[in-house]
């Protein structure tokens, strides 16, 4: 376990969804990548609204969200 892991414990649900986005994007499954990203956005908002994420997690996942928004822009048929 890394020294920084205790400071930013990643959310398993969000990480699973992001894994799907990355894998589907890498395999050029555009529709599935977009679907997984939408699922990630919905779960992220739900977790924020229910105070299930701390400030560091929110900041981290906002950065990840921005990265994927740029990466997936125009990623459709």
PDB file of N, CA and C in Angstrom:
ATOM      1  N   UNK A   1       0.851  -1.177   0.000  1.00  0.00           N
ATOM      2  CA  UNK A   1       0.000   0.000   0.000  1.00  0.00           C
ATOM      3  C   UNK A   1       0.890   1.231   0.000  1.00  0.00           C
ATOM      4  N   UNK A   2       0.577   2.168  -0.912  1.00  0.00           N
ATOM      5  CA  UNK A   2       1.354   3.393  -1.005  1.00  0.00           C
ATOM      6  C   UNK A   2       1.048   4.335   0.141  1.00  0.00           C
ATOM      7  N   UNK A   3       1.963   5.232   0.380  1.00  0.00           N
ATOM      8  CA  UNK A   3       1.796   6.183   1.472  1.00  0.00           C
ATOM      9  C   UNK A   3       0.613   7.117   1.230  1.00  0.00           C
ATOM     10  N   UNK A   4       0.303   7.420  -0.042  1.00  0.00           N
ATOM     11  CA  UNK A   4      -0.772   8.348  -0.341  1.00  0.00           C
ATOM     12  C   UNK A   4      -2.135   7.675  -0.413  1.00  0.00           C
ATOM     13  N   UNK A   5      -2.167   6.363  -0.458  1.00  0.00           N
ATOM     14  CA  UNK A   5      -3.428   5.646  -0.586  1.00  0.00           C
ATOM     15  C   UNK A   5      -4.383   5.957   0.568  1.00  0.00           C
ATOM     16  N   UNK A   6      -3.844   6.125   1.774  1.00  0.00           N
ATOM     17  CA  UNK A   6      -4.727   6.402   2.907  1.00  0.00           C
ATOM     18  C   UNK A   6      -5.343   7.799   2.824  1.00  0.00           C
ATOM     19  N   UNK A   7      -4.704   8.696   2.047  1.00  0.00           N
ATOM     20  CA  UNK A   7      -5.234  10.047   1.908  1.00  0.00           C
ATOM     21  C   UNK A   7      -6.326  10.141   0.840  1.00  0.00           C
ATOM     22  N   UNK A   8      -6.237   9.306  -0.172  1.00  0.00           N
ATOM     23  CA  UNK A   8      -7.231   9.314  -1.237  1.00  0.00           C
ATOM     24  C   UNK A   8      -7.645   7.879  -1.511  1.00  0.00           C
ATOM     25  N   UNK A   9      -8.642   7.441  -0.804  1.00  0.00           N
ATOM     26  CA  UNK A   9      -9.168   6.111  -1.051  1.00  0.00           C
ATOM     27  C   UNK A   9     -10.173   6.232  -2.185  1.00  0.00           C
ATOM     28  N   UNK A  10      -9.851   5.582  -3.296  1.00  0.00           N
ATOM     29  CA  UNK A  10     -10.711   5.668  -4.464  1.00  0.00           C
ATOM     30  C   UNK A  10     -11.998   4.902  -4.223  1.00  0.00           C
ATOM     31  N   UNK A  11     -13.040   5.325  -4.884  1.00  0.00           N
ATOM     32  CA  UNK A  11     -14.338   4.688  -4.762  1.00  0.00           C
ATOM     33  C   UNK A  11     -14.415   3.514  -5.733  1.00  0.00           C
ATOM     34  N   UNK A  12     -14.704   2.328  -5.220  1.00  0.00           N
ATOM     35  CA  UNK A  12     -14.714   1.113  -6.033  1.00  0.00           C
ATOM     36  C   UNK A  12     -15.751   1.163  -7.158  1.00  0.00           C
ATOM     37  N   UNK A  13     -16.935   1.690  -6.868  1.00  0.00           N
ATOM     38  CA  UNK A  13     -17.984   1.762  -7.890  1.00  0.00           C
ATOM     39  C   UNK A  13     -17.561   2.668  -9.048  1.00  0.00           C
ATOM     40  N   UNK A  14     -17.016   3.821  -8.719  1.00  0.00           N
ATOM     41  CA  UNK A  14     -16.591   4.753  -9.751  1.00  0.00           C
ATOM     42  C   UNK A  14     -15.401   4.193 -10.532  1.00  0.00           C
ATOM     43  N   UNK A  15     -14.489   3.554  -9.841  1.00  0.00           N
ATOM     44  CA  UNK A  15     -13.331   2.972 -10.512  1.00  0.00           C
ATOM     45  C   UNK A  15     -13.744   1.872 -11.488  1.00  0.00           C
ATOM     46  N   UNK A  16     -14.730   1.077 -11.113  1.00  0.00           N
ATOM     47  CA  UNK A  16     -15.231   0.018 -11.988  1.00  0.00           C
ATOM     48  C   UNK A  16     -15.826   0.623 -13.259  1.00  0.00           C
ATOM     49  N   UNK A  17     -16.606   1.675 -13.104  1.00  0.00           N
ATOM     50  CA  UNK A  17     -17.206   2.340 -14.267  1.00  0.00           C
ATOM     51  C   UNK A  17     -16.127   2.971 -15.152  1.00  0.00           C
ATOM     52  N   UNK A  18     -15.140   3.586 -14.536  1.00  0.00           N
ATOM     53  CA  UNK A  18     -14.056   4.189 -15.307  1.00  0.00           C
ATOM     54  C   UNK A  18     -13.230   3.140 -16.036  1.00  0.00           C
ATOM     55  N   UNK A  19     -13.093   1.990 -15.412  1.00  0.00           N
ATOM     56  CA  UNK A  19     -12.405   0.877 -16.057  1.00  0.00           C
ATOM     57  C   UNK A  19     -13.132   0.481 -17.333  1.00  0.00           C
ATOM     58  N   UNK A  20     -14.460   0.435 -17.253  1.00  0.00           N
ATOM     59  CA  UNK A  20     -15.265   0.119 -18.430  1.00  0.00           C
ATOM     60  C   UNK A  20     -15.098   1.156 -19.520  1.00  0.00           C
ATOM     61  N   UNK A  21     -15.074   2.430 -19.145  1.00  0.00           N
ATOM     62  CA  UNK A  21     -14.878   3.503 -20.125  1.00  0.00           C
ATOM     63  C   UNK A  21     -13.533   3.316 -20.829  1.00  0.00           C
ATOM     64  N   UNK A  22     -12.488   3.133 -20.047  1.00  0.00           N
ATOM     65  CA  UNK A  22     -11.138   3.007 -20.608  1.00  0.00           C
ATOM     66  C   UNK A  22     -11.022   1.784 -21.512  1.00  0.00           C
ATOM     67  N   UNK A  23     -11.535   0.653 -21.057  1.00  0.00           N
ATOM     68  CA  UNK A  23     -11.438  -0.569 -21.856  1.00  0.00           C
ATOM     69  C   UNK A  23     -12.232  -0.464 -23.144  1.00  0.00           C
ATOM     70  N   UNK A  24     -13.436   0.058 -23.062  1.00  0.00           N
ATOM     71  CA  UNK A  24     -14.259   0.173 -24.266  1.00  0.00           C
ATOM     72  C   UNK A  24     -13.692   1.207 -25.233  1.00  0.00           C
ATOM     73  N   UNK A  25     -13.160   2.293 -24.723  1.00  0.00           N
ATOM     74  CA  UNK A  25     -12.547   3.300 -25.592  1.00  0.00           C
ATOM     75  C   UNK A  25     -11.313   2.720 -26.279  1.00  0.00           C
ATOM     76  N   UNK A  26     -10.511   1.975 -25.539  1.00  0.00           N
ATOM     77  CA  UNK A  26      -9.299   1.379 -26.104  1.00  0.00           C
ATOM     78  C   UNK A  26      -9.634   0.355 -27.189  1.00  0.00           C
ATOM     79  N   UNK A  27     -10.751  -0.311 -27.046  1.00  0.00           N
ATOM     80  CA  UNK A  27     -11.161  -1.320 -28.028  1.00  0.00           C
ATOM     81  C   UNK A  27     -12.085  -0.746 -29.099  1.00  0.00           C
ATOM     82  N   UNK A  28     -12.236   0.590 -29.083  1.00  0.00           N
ATOM     83  CA  UNK A  28     -13.043   1.306 -30.076  1.00  0.00           C
ATOM     84  C   UNK A  28     -14.528   0.930 -30.022  1.00  0.00           C
ATOM     85  N   UNK A  29     -15.009   0.558 -28.838  1.00  0.00           N
ATOM     86  CA  UNK A  29     -16.440   0.314 -28.632  1.00  0.00           C
ATOM     87  C   UNK A  29     -17.057   1.637 -28.184  1.00  0.00           C
ATOM     88  N   UNK A  30     -17.341   2.484 -29.156  1.00  0.00           N
ATOM     89  CA  UNK A  30     -17.721   3.866 -28.885  1.00  0.00           C
ATOM     90  C   UNK A  30     -19.015   3.980 -28.087  1.00  0.00           C
ATOM     91  N   UNK A  31     -20.030   3.235 -28.492  1.00  0.00           N
ATOM     92  CA  UNK A  31     -21.317   3.318 -27.794  1.00  0.00           C
ATOM     93  C   UNK A  31     -21.194   2.854 -26.345  1.00  0.00           C
ATOM     94  N   UNK A  32     -20.475   1.781 -26.138  1.00  0.00           N
ATOM     95  CA  UNK A  32     -20.295   1.262 -24.780  1.00  0.00           C
ATOM     96  C   UNK A  32     -19.466   2.217 -23.927  1.00  0.00           C
ATOM     97  N   UNK A  33     -18.449   2.825 -24.502  1.00  0.00           N
ATOM     98  CA  UNK A  33     -17.631   3.803 -23.770  1.00  0.00           C
ATOM     99  C   UNK A  33     -18.493   4.988 -23.343  1.00  0.00           C
ATOM    100  N   UNK A  34     -19.335   5.477 -24.243  1.00  0.00           N
ATOM    101  CA  UNK A  34     -20.221   6.599 -23.919  1.00  0.00           C
ATOM    102  C   UNK A  34     -21.219   6.198 -22.831  1.00  0.00           C
ATOM    103  N   UNK A  35     -21.762   4.984 -22.928  1.00  0.00           N
ATOM    104  CA  UNK A  35     -22.722   4.498 -21.924  1.00  0.00           C
ATOM    105  C   UNK A  35     -22.057   4.393 -20.546  1.00  0.00           C
ATOM    106  N   UNK A  36     -20.865   3.810 -20.506  1.00  0.00           N
ATOM    107  CA  UNK A  36     -20.152   3.680 -19.234  1.00  0.00           C
ATOM    108  C   UNK A  36     -19.814   5.044 -18.647  1.00  0.00           C
ATOM    109  N   UNK A  37     -19.452   6.005 -19.498  1.00  0.00           N
ATOM    110  CA  UNK A  37     -19.134   7.338 -19.005  1.00  0.00           C
ATOM    111  C   UNK A  37     -20.387   8.004 -18.439  1.00  0.00           C
ATOM    112  N   UNK A  38     -21.511   7.831 -19.108  1.00  0.00           N
ATOM    113  CA  UNK A  38     -22.772   8.383 -18.599  1.00  0.00           C
ATOM    114  C   UNK A  38     -23.128   7.746 -17.251  1.00  0.00           C
ATOM    115  N   UNK A  39     -22.917   6.435 -17.140  1.00  0.00           N
ATOM    116  CA  UNK A  39     -23.154   5.745 -15.866  1.00  0.00           C
ATOM    117  C   UNK A  39     -22.237   6.290 -14.776  1.00  0.00           C
ATOM    118  N   UNK A  40     -20.966   6.547 -15.143  1.00  0.00           N
ATOM    119  CA  UNK A  40     -20.020   7.134 -14.202  1.00  0.00           C
ATOM    120  C   UNK A  40     -20.517   8.499 -13.719  1.00  0.00           C
ATOM    121  N   UNK A  41     -20.957   9.346 -14.659  1.00  0.00           N
ATOM    122  CA  UNK A  41     -21.434  10.682 -14.294  1.00  0.00           C
ATOM    123  C   UNK A  41     -22.632  10.612 -13.352  1.00  0.00           C
ATOM    124  N   UNK A  42     -23.562   9.714 -13.642  1.00  0.00           N
ATOM    125  CA  UNK A  42     -24.743   9.557 -12.789  1.00  0.00           C
ATOM    126  C   UNK A  42     -24.358   9.085 -11.388  1.00  0.00           C
ATOM    127  N   UNK A  43     -23.484   8.093 -11.310  1.00  0.00           N
ATOM    128  CA  UNK A  43     -23.056   7.559 -10.009  1.00  0.00           C
ATOM    129  C   UNK A  43     -22.255   8.610  -9.243  1.00  0.00           C
ATOM    130  N   UNK A  44     -21.408   9.345  -9.934  1.00  0.00           N
ATOM    131  CA  UNK A  44     -20.611  10.397  -9.304  1.00  0.00           C
ATOM    132  C   UNK A  44     -21.524  11.446  -8.668  1.00  0.00           C
ATOM    133  N   UNK A  45     -22.518  11.897  -9.404  1.00  0.00           N
ATOM    134  CA  UNK A  45     -23.467  12.884  -8.869  1.00  0.00           C
ATOM    135  C   UNK A  45     -24.243  12.314  -7.682  1.00  0.00           C
ATOM    136  N   UNK A  46     -24.665  11.075  -7.804  1.00  0.00           N
ATOM    137  CA  UNK A  46     -25.409  10.425  -6.710  1.00  0.00           C
ATOM    138  C   UNK A  46     -24.566  10.354  -5.438  1.00  0.00           C
ATOM    139  N   UNK A  47     -23.319   9.941  -5.586  1.00  0.00           N
ATOM    140  CA  UNK A  47     -22.440   9.829  -4.425  1.00  0.00           C
ATOM    141  C   UNK A  47     -22.144  11.198  -3.804  1.00  0.00           C
ATOM    142  N   UNK A  48     -21.975  12.217  -4.648  1.00  0.00           N
ATOM    143  CA  UNK A  48     -21.753  13.575  -4.125  1.00  0.00           C
ATOM    144  C   UNK A  48     -22.983  14.067  -3.366  1.00  0.00           C
ATOM    145  N   UNK A  49     -24.157  13.872  -3.942  1.00  0.00           N
ATOM    146  CA  UNK A  49     -25.396  14.339  -3.306  1.00  0.00           C
ATOM    147  C   UNK A  49     -25.644  13.658  -1.966  1.00  0.00           C
ATOM    148  N   UNK A  50     -25.227  12.401  -1.856  1.00  0.00           N
ATOM    149  CA  UNK A  50     -25.435  11.649  -0.621  1.00  0.00           C
ATOM    150  C   UNK A  50     -24.247  11.724   0.330  1.00  0.00           C
ATOM    151  N   UNK A  51     -23.316  12.643   0.046  1.00  0.00           N
ATOM    152  CA  UNK A  51     -22.133  12.847   0.898  1.00  0.00           C
ATOM    153  C   UNK A  51     -21.334  11.565   1.130  1.00  0.00           C
ATOM    154  N   UNK A  52     -21.184  10.782   0.080  1.00  0.00           N
ATOM    155  CA  UNK A  52     -20.432   9.526   0.174  1.00  0.00           C
ATOM    156  C   UNK A  52     -18.973   9.692  -0.262  1.00  0.00           C
ATOM    157  N   UNK A  53     -18.628  10.897  -0.742  1.00  0.00           N
ATOM    158  CA  UNK A  53     -17.259  11.174  -1.179  1.00  0.00           C
ATOM    159  C   UNK A  53     -16.704  12.334  -0.372  1.00  0.00           C
ATOM    160  N   UNK A  54     -15.418  12.245  -0.047  1.00  0.00           N
ATOM    161  CA  UNK A  54     -14.792  13.366   0.645  1.00  0.00           C
ATOM    162  C   UNK A  54     -14.299  14.383  -0.390  1.00  0.00           C
ATOM    163  N   UNK A  55     -13.807  15.512   0.075  1.00  0.00           N
ATOM    164  CA  UNK A  55     -13.407  16.600  -0.825  1.00  0.00           C
ATOM    165  C   UNK A  55     -12.288  16.196  -1.773  1.00  0.00           C
ATOM    166  N   UNK A  56     -11.332  15.409  -1.284  1.00  0.00           N
ATOM    167  CA  UNK A  56     -10.229  14.971  -2.139  1.00  0.00           C
ATOM    168  C   UNK A  56     -10.734  14.040  -3.238  1.00  0.00           C
ATOM    169  N   UNK A  57     -11.678  13.175  -2.907  1.00  0.00           N
ATOM    170  CA  UNK A  57     -12.245  12.288  -3.913  1.00  0.00           C
ATOM    171  C   UNK A  57     -13.027  13.090  -4.953  1.00  0.00           C
ATOM    172  N   UNK A  58     -13.797  14.060  -4.498  1.00  0.00           N
ATOM    173  CA  UNK A  58     -14.575  14.890  -5.424  1.00  0.00           C
ATOM    174  C   UNK A  58     -13.632  15.620  -6.376  1.00  0.00           C
ATOM    175  N   UNK A  59     -12.572  16.184  -5.859  1.00  0.00           N
ATOM    176  CA  UNK A  59     -11.602  16.888  -6.687  1.00  0.00           C
ATOM    177  C   UNK A  59     -10.959  15.937  -7.699  1.00  0.00           C
ATOM    178  N   UNK A  60     -10.560  14.760  -7.218  1.00  0.00           N
ATOM    179  CA  UNK A  60      -9.926  13.768  -8.092  1.00  0.00           C
ATOM    180  C   UNK A  60     -10.881  13.353  -9.215  1.00  0.00           C
ATOM    181  N   UNK A  61     -12.114  13.006  -8.868  1.00  0.00           N
ATOM    182  CA  UNK A  61     -13.055  12.531  -9.883  1.00  0.00           C
ATOM    183  C   UNK A  61     -13.538  13.663 -10.794  1.00  0.00           C
ATOM    184  N   UNK A  62     -13.524  14.903 -10.340  1.00  0.00           N
ATOM    185  CA  UNK A  62     -13.804  16.032 -11.234  1.00  0.00           C
ATOM    186  C   UNK A  62     -12.717  16.148 -12.298  1.00  0.00           C
ATOM    187  N   UNK A  63     -11.466  15.941 -11.889  1.00  0.00           N
ATOM    188  CA  UNK A  63     -10.361  15.967 -12.850  1.00  0.00           C
ATOM    189  C   UNK A  63     -10.486  14.822 -13.855  1.00  0.00           C
ATOM    190  N   UNK A  64     -10.825  13.645 -13.358  1.00  0.00           N
ATOM    191  CA  UNK A  64     -11.005  12.483 -14.237  1.00  0.00           C
ATOM    192  C   UNK A  64     -12.164  12.743 -15.199  1.00  0.00           C
ATOM    193  N   UNK A  65     -13.233  13.305 -14.683  1.00  0.00           N
ATOM    194  CA  UNK A  65     -14.406  13.634 -15.504  1.00  0.00           C
ATOM    195  C   UNK A  65     -14.009  14.572 -16.637  1.00  0.00           C
ATOM    196  N   UNK A  66     -13.263  15.621 -16.316  1.00  0.00           N
ATOM    197  CA  UNK A  66     -12.820  16.580 -17.333  1.00  0.00           C
ATOM    198  C   UNK A  66     -11.947  15.905 -18.392  1.00  0.00           C
ATOM    199  N   UNK A  67     -11.073  15.036 -17.945  1.00  0.00           N
ATOM    200  CA  UNK A  67     -10.185  14.314 -18.870  1.00  0.00           C
ATOM    201  C   UNK A  67     -11.006  13.483 -19.853  1.00  0.00           C
ATOM    202  N   UNK A  68     -11.964  12.723 -19.339  1.00  0.00           N
ATOM    203  CA  UNK A  68     -12.759  11.874 -20.217  1.00  0.00           C
ATOM    204  C   UNK A  68     -13.726  12.673 -21.080  1.00  0.00           C
ATOM    205  N   UNK A  69     -14.208  13.791 -20.594  1.00  0.00           N
ATOM    206  CA  UNK A  69     -15.075  14.636 -21.425  1.00  0.00           C
ATOM    207  C   UNK A  69     -14.319  15.080 -22.671  1.00  0.00           C
ATOM    208  N   UNK A  70     -13.070  15.464 -22.506  1.00  0.00           N
ATOM    209  CA  UNK A  70     -12.239  15.868 -23.651  1.00  0.00           C
ATOM    210  C   UNK A  70     -11.913  14.674 -24.543  1.00  0.00           C
ATOM    211  N   UNK A  71     -11.560  13.565 -23.924  1.00  0.00           N
ATOM    212  CA  UNK A  71     -11.167  12.372 -24.670  1.00  0.00           C
ATOM    213  C   UNK A  71     -12.331  11.799 -25.481  1.00  0.00           C
ATOM    214  N   UNK A  72     -13.533  11.842 -24.922  1.00  0.00           N
ATOM    215  CA  UNK A  72     -14.679  11.236 -25.575  1.00  0.00           C
ATOM    216  C   UNK A  72     -15.457  12.217 -26.451  1.00  0.00           C
ATOM    217  N   UNK A  73     -15.025  13.467 -26.492  1.00  0.00           N
ATOM    218  CA  UNK A  73     -15.693  14.466 -27.331  1.00  0.00           C
ATOM    219  C   UNK A  73     -15.625  13.994 -28.781  1.00  0.00           C
ATOM    220  N   UNK A  74     -16.764  13.901 -29.405  1.00  0.00           N
ATOM    221  CA  UNK A  74     -16.812  13.449 -30.790  1.00  0.00           C
ATOM    222  C   UNK A  74     -16.605  11.957 -30.944  1.00  0.00           C
ATOM    223  N   UNK A  75     -16.654  11.216 -29.860  1.00  0.00           N
ATOM    224  CA  UNK A  75     -16.424   9.773 -29.886  1.00  0.00           C
ATOM    225  C   UNK A  75     -17.762   9.076 -30.127  1.00  0.00           C
ATOM    226  N   UNK A  76     -18.193   9.114 -31.370  1.00  0.00           N
ATOM    227  CA  UNK A  76     -19.443   8.458 -31.757  1.00  0.00           C
ATOM    228  C   UNK A  76     -19.361   8.073 -33.216  1.00  0.00           C
ATOM    229  N   UNK A  77     -20.359   7.386 -33.685  1.00  0.00           N
ATOM    230  CA  UNK A  77     -20.363   6.919 -35.086  1.00  0.00           C
ATOM    231  C   UNK A  77     -20.674   8.037 -36.017  1.00  0.00           C
TER     232      UNK A  77
END
